[in-house]
Amino acid sequence: KEFLSSSDSPSNSICCLRLSIFDCAKADSAAAVSRAKNLVELRKNYERVALQQQRLIEQYDIEAETQRQIRDDVSLDIEDRIAANERLGQVLLDKNAAEQAAIDAQIASLQQRIELEGTSVELTNEIFALETEKIAVQATVTGLKSEQLVNENALLQEQKDLEQEVLDKQIEDAEKLTQKEKEEADKAMSIT
């Protein structure tokens, strides 16, 4: 705006200048209130995402433990145990993906805060901590996946051993039958 014109009196110009400053202050106040509301909402979302992440971890842990219990129950059929171990592997992969996504959402929320508030050591450190947490999640899931693979090999060996046991029993039964038939044939020949 032009504050002074040749026809304006000094008092009129001051009045216009005051109105212009008031309008700017009013606009700055509205922007500040809007940024503050956005920050409050971001912080709420950040906390909610963290809570959802913890809930998700617990749900996946329950499912994984259920599959471990089935896998380790020697009273169940070996095929069911192998299937449970395979489901466990999928649960671990799903858990990893979900945890990574939740952490990424928290990082995105912090980055939005940085856009609104500006960079700070606190926010930068929080992002760094979350990125470190992502690595820790990967390490944990990798360890659990290794355990699952070791158990897969053990179950396959157990299945192979059971099949060999059945085969050995069939061979033993066939040998006994053959021996019995031979004895009966020898007995029949000695009678004649």
Protein backbone atom coordinates (compact mmCIF):
# COMPACT_ATOMS: atom_id res chain seq x y z
CA LYS A 1 0.00 0.00 0.00
CA GLU A 2 1.02 3.54 -0.46
CA PHE A 3 0.87 5.19 2.87
CA LEU A 4 1.47 8.75 1.88
CA SER A 5 0.10 10.56 -1.07
CA SER A 6 0.39 14.21 -1.96
CA SER A 7 -3.21 14.84 -0.87
CA ASP A 8 -2.93 13.04 2.49
CA SER A 9 -2.44 15.00 5.61
CA PRO A 10 0.22 13.77 8.07
CA SER A 11 -2.45 12.70 10.60
CA ASN A 12 -4.36 10.81 7.90
CA SER A 13 -1.12 9.11 6.83
CA ILE A 14 -0.35 8.04 10.39
CA CYS A 15 -3.85 6.63 10.70
CA CYS A 16 -3.39 4.62 7.49
CA LEU A 17 0.01 3.42 8.70
CA ARG A 18 -1.51 2.29 12.00
CA LEU A 19 -4.28 0.40 10.18
CA SER A 20 -1.74 -1.23 7.91
CA ILE A 21 0.40 -2.33 10.87
CA PHE A 22 -2.73 -3.59 12.65
CA ASP A 23 -3.71 -5.59 9.55
CA CYS A 24 -0.20 -7.11 9.36
CA ALA A 25 -0.22 -7.95 13.07
CA LYS A 26 -3.69 -9.47 12.72
CA ALA A 27 -2.51 -11.60 9.76
CA ASP A 28 0.63 -12.65 11.66
CA SER A 29 -1.49 -13.55 14.68
CA ALA A 30 -3.82 -15.67 12.55
CA ALA A 31 -0.84 -17.45 10.98
CA ALA A 32 0.71 -18.03 14.42
CA VAL A 33 -2.56 -19.45 15.75
CA SER A 34 -2.83 -21.69 12.70
CA ARG A 35 0.77 -22.93 13.14
CA ALA A 36 0.12 -23.53 16.84
CA LYS A 37 -3.00 -25.58 16.05
CA ASN A 38 -1.04 -27.56 13.47
CA LEU A 39 1.71 -28.23 16.03
CA VAL A 40 -0.76 -29.39 18.64
CA GLU A 41 -2.36 -31.72 16.10
CA LEU A 42 1.03 -33.06 14.99
CA ARG A 43 2.03 -33.78 18.59
CA LYS A 44 -1.26 -35.61 19.20
CA ASN A 45 -0.74 -37.64 16.02
CA TYR A 46 2.86 -38.38 17.01
CA GLU A 47 1.74 -39.72 20.39
CA ARG A 48 -1.10 -41.71 18.80
CA VAL A 49 1.25 -43.28 16.26
CA ALA A 50 3.63 -44.28 19.07
CA LEU A 51 0.75 -45.89 20.97
CA GLN A 52 -0.49 -47.66 17.84
CA GLN A 53 3.02 -48.93 17.20
CA GLN A 54 3.21 -50.45 20.67
CA ARG A 55 -0.21 -52.08 20.25
CA LEU A 56 0.81 -53.49 16.89
CA ILE A 57 4.00 -54.95 18.34
CA GLU A 58 2.01 -56.68 21.05
CA GLN A 59 -0.51 -58.09 18.55
CA TYR A 60 2.23 -59.50 16.35
CA ASP A 61 4.02 -60.90 19.40
CA ILE A 62 0.83 -62.75 20.42
CA GLU A 63 0.41 -64.20 16.93
CA ALA A 64 4.08 -65.19 16.74
CA GLU A 65 3.94 -66.90 20.13
CA THR A 66 0.78 -68.79 19.12
CA GLN A 67 2.58 -70.12 16.04
CA ARG A 68 5.63 -71.07 18.15
CA GLN A 69 3.40 -73.03 20.52
CA ILE A 70 1.88 -74.97 17.63
CA ARG A 71 5.30 -75.54 16.07
CA ASP A 72 6.77 -76.84 19.34
CA ASP A 73 3.83 -79.09 20.29
CA VAL A 74 5.20 -82.58 19.62
CA SER A 75 1.74 -84.08 20.07
CA LEU A 76 0.64 -82.47 16.79
CA ASP A 77 1.14 -83.81 13.30
CA ILE A 78 4.52 -82.83 11.84
CA GLU A 79 2.88 -81.19 8.80
CA ASP A 80 0.85 -78.91 11.10
CA ARG A 81 3.99 -77.99 12.99
CA ILE A 82 5.86 -77.18 9.77
CA ALA A 83 2.92 -75.05 8.58
CA ALA A 84 2.89 -73.17 11.90
CA ASN A 85 6.60 -72.48 11.54
CA GLU A 86 6.01 -71.13 8.02
CA ARG A 87 3.20 -68.90 9.33
CA LEU A 88 5.58 -67.72 12.05
CA GLY A 89 8.04 -66.64 9.37
CA GLN A 90 5.32 -64.62 7.64
CA VAL A 91 4.20 -63.05 10.94
CA LEU A 92 7.78 -61.94 11.58
CA LEU A 93 8.02 -60.35 8.13
CA ASP A 94 4.65 -58.62 8.61
CA LYS A 95 5.70 -57.40 12.04
CA ASN A 96 8.90 -55.94 10.63
CA ALA A 97 7.03 -54.14 7.84
CA ALA A 98 4.42 -52.76 10.25
CA GLU A 99 6.99 -51.54 12.75
CA GLN A 100 9.06 -49.92 10.00
CA ALA A 101 5.95 -48.15 8.66
CA ALA A 102 5.00 -46.91 12.13
CA ILE A 103 8.47 -45.53 12.72
CA ASP A 104 8.44 -43.90 9.27
CA ALA A 105 5.13 -42.23 10.20
CA GLN A 106 6.68 -40.88 13.40
CA ILE A 107 9.66 -39.56 11.43
CA ALA A 108 7.32 -37.89 8.92
CA SER A 109 5.43 -36.25 11.78
CA LEU A 110 8.67 -34.91 13.23
CA GLN A 111 9.70 -33.60 9.83
CA GLN A 112 6.39 -31.74 9.59
CA ARG A 113 7.10 -30.22 13.00
CA ILE A 114 10.50 -29.10 11.73
CA GLU A 115 8.78 -27.43 8.78
CA LEU A 116 6.48 -25.57 11.17
CA GLU A 117 8.86 -24.87 14.05
CA GLY A 118 12.22 -24.91 12.34
CA THR A 119 15.13 -27.21 12.98
CA SER A 120 16.08 -27.88 16.57
CA VAL A 121 18.55 -30.19 18.25
CA GLU A 122 15.68 -31.90 20.07
CA LEU A 123 13.74 -32.75 16.91
CA THR A 124 16.88 -33.77 15.01
CA ASN A 125 17.86 -36.08 17.87
CA GLU A 126 14.36 -37.59 17.95
CA ILE A 127 14.60 -38.39 14.25
CA PHE A 128 18.05 -39.89 14.75
CA ALA A 129 16.73 -42.01 17.64
CA LEU A 130 13.83 -43.24 15.49
CA GLU A 131 16.18 -44.14 12.65
CA THR A 132 18.27 -46.08 15.17
CA GLU A 133 15.09 -47.79 16.37
CA LYS A 134 14.41 -48.89 12.79
CA ILE A 135 17.81 -50.59 12.72
CA ALA A 136 17.08 -52.23 16.09
CA VAL A 137 13.75 -53.55 14.78
CA GLN A 138 15.50 -55.02 11.75
CA ALA A 139 18.12 -56.65 13.98
CA THR A 140 15.48 -58.15 16.27
CA VAL A 141 13.39 -59.52 13.43
CA THR A 142 16.51 -60.87 11.71
CA GLY A 143 17.39 -62.76 14.89
CA LEU A 144 13.86 -64.13 15.22
CA LYS A 145 13.83 -65.08 11.54
CA SER A 146 17.11 -66.98 12.04
CA GLU A 147 15.54 -68.89 14.93
CA GLN A 148 12.53 -69.68 12.74
CA LEU A 149 14.80 -70.99 9.96
CA VAL A 150 16.76 -73.18 12.40
CA ASN A 151 13.48 -74.62 13.62
CA GLU A 152 12.36 -75.19 10.03
CA ASN A 153 15.45 -77.31 9.41
CA ALA A 154 14.93 -79.19 12.68
CA LEU A 155 11.30 -79.91 11.78
CA LEU A 156 12.24 -81.12 8.31
CA GLN A 157 14.87 -83.40 9.85
CA GLU A 158 12.28 -84.66 12.34
CA GLN A 159 9.88 -85.33 9.47
CA LYS A 160 12.60 -87.20 7.60
CA ASP A 161 13.42 -89.24 10.72
CA LEU A 162 9.74 -90.12 11.22
CA GLU A 163 9.41 -91.21 7.61
CA GLN A 164 12.59 -93.32 7.96
CA GLU A 165 11.18 -94.85 11.16
CA VAL A 166 8.01 -95.87 9.31
CA LEU A 167 10.05 -97.25 6.44
CA ASP A 168 12.31 -99.19 8.83
CA LYS A 169 9.26 -100.63 10.58
CA GLN A 170 7.77 -101.71 7.25
CA ILE A 171 11.05 -103.39 6.28
CA GLU A 172 11.25 -105.10 9.67
CA ASP A 173 7.65 -106.32 9.38
CA ALA A 174 8.30 -107.57 5.84
CA GLU A 175 11.43 -109.40 7.00
CA LYS A 176 9.53 -110.99 9.89
CA LEU A 177 6.77 -112.04 7.52
CA THR A 178 9.30 -113.44 5.08
CA GLN A 179 11.09 -115.28 7.91
CA LYS A 180 7.78 -116.67 9.20
CA GLU A 181 6.77 -117.80 5.70
CA LYS A 182 10.18 -119.44 5.25
CA GLU A 183 9.85 -121.24 8.59
CA GLU A 184 6.36 -122.43 7.68
CA ALA A 185 7.60 -123.59 4.29
CA ASP A 186 10.53 -125.42 5.91
CA LYS A 187 8.14 -126.99 8.44
CA ALA A 188 5.79 -128.06 5.67
CA MET A 189 8.67 -129.60 3.74
CA SER A 190 9.97 -131.46 6.77
CA ILE A 191 6.53 -132.98 7.35
CA THR A 192 6.38 -134.32 3.87
